[in-house]
C-alpha atoms as a PDB file:
ATOM      1  CA  UNK A   1      12.865   0.258  -3.436  1.00  0.00           C
ATOM      2  CA  UNK A   2      10.868   0.599  -0.195  1.00  0.00           C
ATOM      3  CA  UNK A   3      11.649   4.123  -0.153  1.00  0.00           C
ATOM      4  CA  UNK A   4      10.283   4.864  -3.691  1.00  0.00           C
ATOM      5  CA  UNK A   5       7.227   2.836  -2.698  1.00  0.00           C
ATOM      6  CA  UNK A   6       6.650   5.356   0.185  1.00  0.00           C
ATOM      7  CA  UNK A   7       7.396   8.306  -1.946  1.00  0.00           C
ATOM      8  CA  UNK A   8       5.017   7.191  -4.689  1.00  0.00           C
ATOM      9  CA  UNK A   9       2.008   6.429  -2.054  1.00  0.00           C
ATOM     10  CA  UNK A  10       2.670   9.859  -0.351  1.00  0.00           C
ATOM     11  CA  UNK A  11       2.921  11.662  -3.383  1.00  0.00           C
ATOM     12  CA  UNK A  12      -0.584  10.334  -4.754  1.00  0.00           C
ATOM     13  CA  UNK A  13      -2.577  11.424  -1.345  1.00  0.00           C
ATOM     14  CA  UNK A  14      -1.571   8.436   1.035  1.00  0.00           C
ATOM     15  CA  UNK A  15      -1.396   9.836   4.740  1.00  0.00           C
ATOM     16  CA  UNK A  16       1.157   7.443   5.872  1.00  0.00           C
ATOM     17  CA  UNK A  17       2.962   4.483   4.402  1.00  0.00           C
ATOM     18  CA  UNK A  18       4.748   1.532   6.264  1.00  0.00           C
ATOM     19  CA  UNK A  19       6.221  -1.695   5.106  1.00  0.00           C
ATOM     20  CA  UNK A  20       6.270  -4.386   7.764  1.00  0.00           C
ATOM     21  CA  UNK A  21       7.915  -7.854   8.118  1.00  0.00           C
ATOM     22  CA  UNK A  22       5.913 -10.489   9.290  1.00  0.00           C
ATOM     23  CA  UNK A  23       8.208 -12.226  11.816  1.00  0.00           C
ATOM     24  CA  UNK A  24       5.983 -15.308  11.689  1.00  0.00           C
ATOM     25  CA  UNK A  25       6.477 -15.696   8.004  1.00  0.00           C
ATOM     26  CA  UNK A  26      10.075 -14.610   7.028  1.00  0.00           C
ATOM     27  CA  UNK A  27       9.439 -14.151   3.369  1.00  0.00           C
ATOM     28  CA  UNK A  28       6.149 -11.881   4.080  1.00  0.00           C
ATOM     29  CA  UNK A  29       5.908  -8.487   3.881  1.00  0.00           C
ATOM     30  CA  UNK A  30       3.041  -6.146   4.417  1.00  0.00           C
ATOM     31  CA  UNK A  31       2.495  -2.757   3.051  1.00  0.00           C
ATOM     32  CA  UNK A  32       0.253  -0.601   5.104  1.00  0.00           C
ATOM     33  CA  UNK A  33      -1.093   2.436   3.296  1.00  0.00           C
ATOM     34  CA  UNK A  34      -3.616   4.882   5.105  1.00  0.00           C
ATOM     35  CA  UNK A  35      -5.844   7.056   2.992  1.00  0.00           C
ATOM     36  CA  UNK A  36      -8.219   9.819   4.073  1.00  0.00           C
ATOM     37  CA  UNK A  37     -11.158   8.097   2.828  1.00  0.00           C
ATOM     38  CA  UNK A  38     -12.237   4.803   0.826  1.00  0.00           C
ATOM     39  CA  UNK A  39     -12.944   6.833  -1.900  1.00  0.00           C
ATOM     40  CA  UNK A  40      -9.362   8.222  -1.940  1.00  0.00           C
ATOM     41  CA  UNK A  41      -7.989   4.837  -1.876  1.00  0.00           C
ATOM     42  CA  UNK A  42      -9.952   3.527  -4.736  1.00  0.00           C
ATOM     43  CA  UNK A  43      -9.263   6.949  -6.854  1.00  0.00           C
ATOM     44  CA  UNK A  44      -5.327   6.086  -6.443  1.00  0.00           C
ATOM     45  CA  UNK A  45      -5.882   3.191  -8.810  1.00  0.00           C
ATOM     46  CA  UNK A  46      -7.315   5.364 -11.381  1.00  0.00           C
ATOM     47  CA  UNK A  47      -4.446   7.423 -11.598  1.00  0.00           C
ATOM     48  CA  UNK A  48      -1.629   4.953 -12.185  1.00  0.00           C
ATOM     49  CA  UNK A  49       1.512   6.588 -14.063  1.00  0.00           C
ATOM     50  CA  UNK A  50       4.265   4.663 -16.130  1.00  0.00           C
ATOM     51  CA  UNK A  51       6.620   5.374 -13.183  1.00  0.00           C
ATOM     52  CA  UNK A  52       4.373   3.433 -10.733  1.00  0.00           C
ATOM     53  CA  UNK A  53       3.749   0.546 -13.075  1.00  0.00           C
ATOM     54  CA  UNK A  54       7.444   0.040 -13.379  1.00  0.00           C
ATOM     55  CA  UNK A  55       7.985   0.201  -9.913  1.00  0.00           C
ATOM     56  CA  UNK A  56       5.141  -2.410  -9.320  1.00  0.00           C
ATOM     57  CA  UNK A  57       7.050  -4.531 -12.264  1.00  0.00           C
ATOM     58  CA  UNK A  58      10.603  -4.098 -10.292  1.00  0.00           C
ATOM     59  CA  UNK A  59       8.530  -4.943  -6.829  1.00  0.00           C
ATOM     60  CA  UNK A  60       7.372  -8.315  -8.391  1.00  0.00           C
ATOM     61  CA  UNK A  61      10.588  -9.596  -9.308  1.00  0.00           C
ATOM     62  CA  UNK A  62      10.939 -10.307  -5.719  1.00  0.00           C
ATOM     63  CA  UNK A  63       8.012 -12.400  -5.765  1.00  0.00           C
ATOM     64  CA  UNK A  64       8.931 -15.909  -5.373  1.00  0.00           C
ATOM     65  CA  UNK A  65       5.445 -17.837  -4.842  1.00  0.00           C
ATOM     66  CA  UNK A  66       3.487 -19.694  -7.749  1.00  0.00           C
ATOM     67  CA  UNK A  67       0.367 -17.740  -7.399  1.00  0.00           C
ATOM     68  CA  UNK A  68       0.142 -13.569  -7.194  1.00  0.00           C
ATOM     69  CA  UNK A  69       0.544 -11.542  -4.069  1.00  0.00           C
ATOM     70  CA  UNK A  70      -2.383 -11.855  -1.878  1.00  0.00           C
ATOM     71  CA  UNK A  71      -4.113  -8.205  -1.359  1.00  0.00           C
ATOM     72  CA  UNK A  72      -5.993  -7.645   1.630  1.00  0.00           C
ATOM     73  CA  UNK A  73      -7.691  -4.577   2.575  1.00  0.00           C
ATOM     74  CA  UNK A  74      -8.722  -3.349   5.884  1.00  0.00           C
ATOM     75  CA  UNK A  75     -10.964  -0.268   6.802  1.00  0.00           C
ATOM     76  CA  UNK A  76     -10.170   1.529  10.313  1.00  0.00           C
ATOM     77  CA  UNK A  77     -13.092   3.023  11.829  1.00  0.00           C
ATOM     78  CA  UNK A  78     -12.168   5.937  14.070  1.00  0.00           C
ATOM     79  CA  UNK A  79     -12.975   5.346  17.913  1.00  0.00           C
ATOM     80  CA  UNK A  80     -12.909   9.140  18.208  1.00  0.00           C
ATOM     81  CA  UNK A  81     -16.102  10.836  18.900  1.00  0.00           C
ATOM     82  CA  UNK A  82     -16.777  13.783  16.710  1.00  0.00           C
ATOM     83  CA  UNK A  83     -18.305  16.964  18.611  1.00  0.00           C
ATOM     84  CA  UNK A  84     -21.102  18.221  16.862  1.00  0.00           C
END
Protein backbone atom coordinates (compact mmCIF):
# COMPACT_ATOMS: atom_id res chain seq x y z
CA UNK A 1 0.00 0.00 0.00
CA UNK A 2 2.89 2.40 0.62
CA UNK A 3 3.84 1.97 -3.05
CA UNK A 4 0.37 3.17 -4.04
CA UNK A 5 0.72 6.19 -1.76
CA UNK A 6 4.09 7.07 -3.27
CA UNK A 7 2.81 6.75 -6.83
CA UNK A 8 -0.27 8.82 -6.05
CA UNK A 9 1.70 11.65 -4.40
CA UNK A 10 4.30 11.77 -7.19
CA UNK A 11 1.62 11.62 -9.90
CA UNK A 12 0.00 14.69 -8.37
CA UNK A 13 3.16 16.78 -8.35
CA UNK A 14 5.16 15.88 -5.24
CA UNK A 15 8.93 16.08 -5.74
CA UNK A 16 9.56 13.18 -3.36
CA UNK A 17 7.78 10.87 -0.95
CA UNK A 18 8.95 8.75 2.01
CA UNK A 19 7.32 6.70 4.72
CA UNK A 20 9.22 6.76 8.01
CA UNK A 21 8.72 4.41 10.95
CA UNK A 22 9.12 6.16 14.31
CA UNK A 23 11.48 3.94 16.34
CA UNK A 24 10.41 5.62 19.58
CA UNK A 25 6.73 4.84 18.91
CA UNK A 26 6.54 1.49 17.09
CA UNK A 27 2.96 2.01 15.90
CA UNK A 28 3.66 5.46 14.43
CA UNK A 29 4.49 6.10 10.80
CA UNK A 30 5.34 9.46 9.28
CA UNK A 31 4.61 10.31 5.67
CA UNK A 32 7.03 12.86 4.24
CA UNK A 33 5.94 14.65 1.06
CA UNK A 34 8.11 17.32 -0.54
CA UNK A 35 6.37 19.79 -2.83
CA UNK A 36 7.80 22.56 -4.98
CA UNK A 37 5.95 25.20 -2.96
CA UNK A 38 3.37 25.67 -0.24
CA UNK A 39 0.88 26.67 -2.94
CA UNK A 40 1.48 23.38 -4.79
CA UNK A 41 1.02 21.49 -1.54
CA UNK A 42 -2.34 23.15 -0.86
CA UNK A 43 -3.43 22.73 -4.48
CA UNK A 44 -3.15 18.95 -4.16
CA UNK A 45 -6.02 18.95 -1.65
CA UNK A 46 -8.28 20.66 -4.18
CA UNK A 47 -7.74 17.85 -6.73
CA UNK A 48 -8.66 14.70 -4.82
CA UNK A 49 -9.72 11.81 -7.06
CA UNK A 50 -11.99 8.88 -6.27
CA UNK A 51 -8.99 6.53 -6.29
CA UNK A 52 -7.18 8.74 -3.75
CA UNK A 53 -10.24 8.73 -1.49
CA UNK A 54 -10.36 4.93 -1.75
CA UNK A 55 -6.65 4.69 -0.90
CA UNK A 56 -7.12 7.02 2.10
CA UNK A 57 -10.00 4.87 3.36
CA UNK A 58 -7.89 1.70 3.04
CA UNK A 59 -5.01 3.35 4.93
CA UNK A 60 -7.38 4.47 7.69
CA UNK A 61 -8.29 0.81 8.31
CA UNK A 62 -4.83 0.45 9.88
CA UNK A 63 -5.38 3.35 12.31
CA UNK A 64 -6.08 1.98 15.79
CA UNK A 65 -6.23 5.10 18.00
CA UNK A 66 -9.59 6.45 19.11
CA UNK A 67 -8.87 9.92 17.73
CA UNK A 68 -8.07 10.66 14.05
CA UNK A 69 -4.43 10.69 12.92
CA UNK A 70 -2.60 13.90 13.78
CA UNK A 71 -1.41 15.86 10.76
CA UNK A 72 1.61 18.08 11.25
CA UNK A 73 3.05 20.19 8.46
CA UNK A 74 6.52 21.67 8.26
CA UNK A 75 7.93 24.20 5.83
CA UNK A 76 11.57 23.85 4.87
CA UNK A 77 13.46 27.05 4.29
CA UNK A 78 16.29 26.69 1.84
CA UNK A 79 19.76 27.38 3.18
CA UNK A 80 21.13 27.74 -0.36
CA UNK A 81 21.69 31.33 -1.37
CA UNK A 82 20.53 32.16 -4.86
CA UNK A 83 22.75 34.23 -7.09
CA UNK A 84 21.18 37.24 -8.66
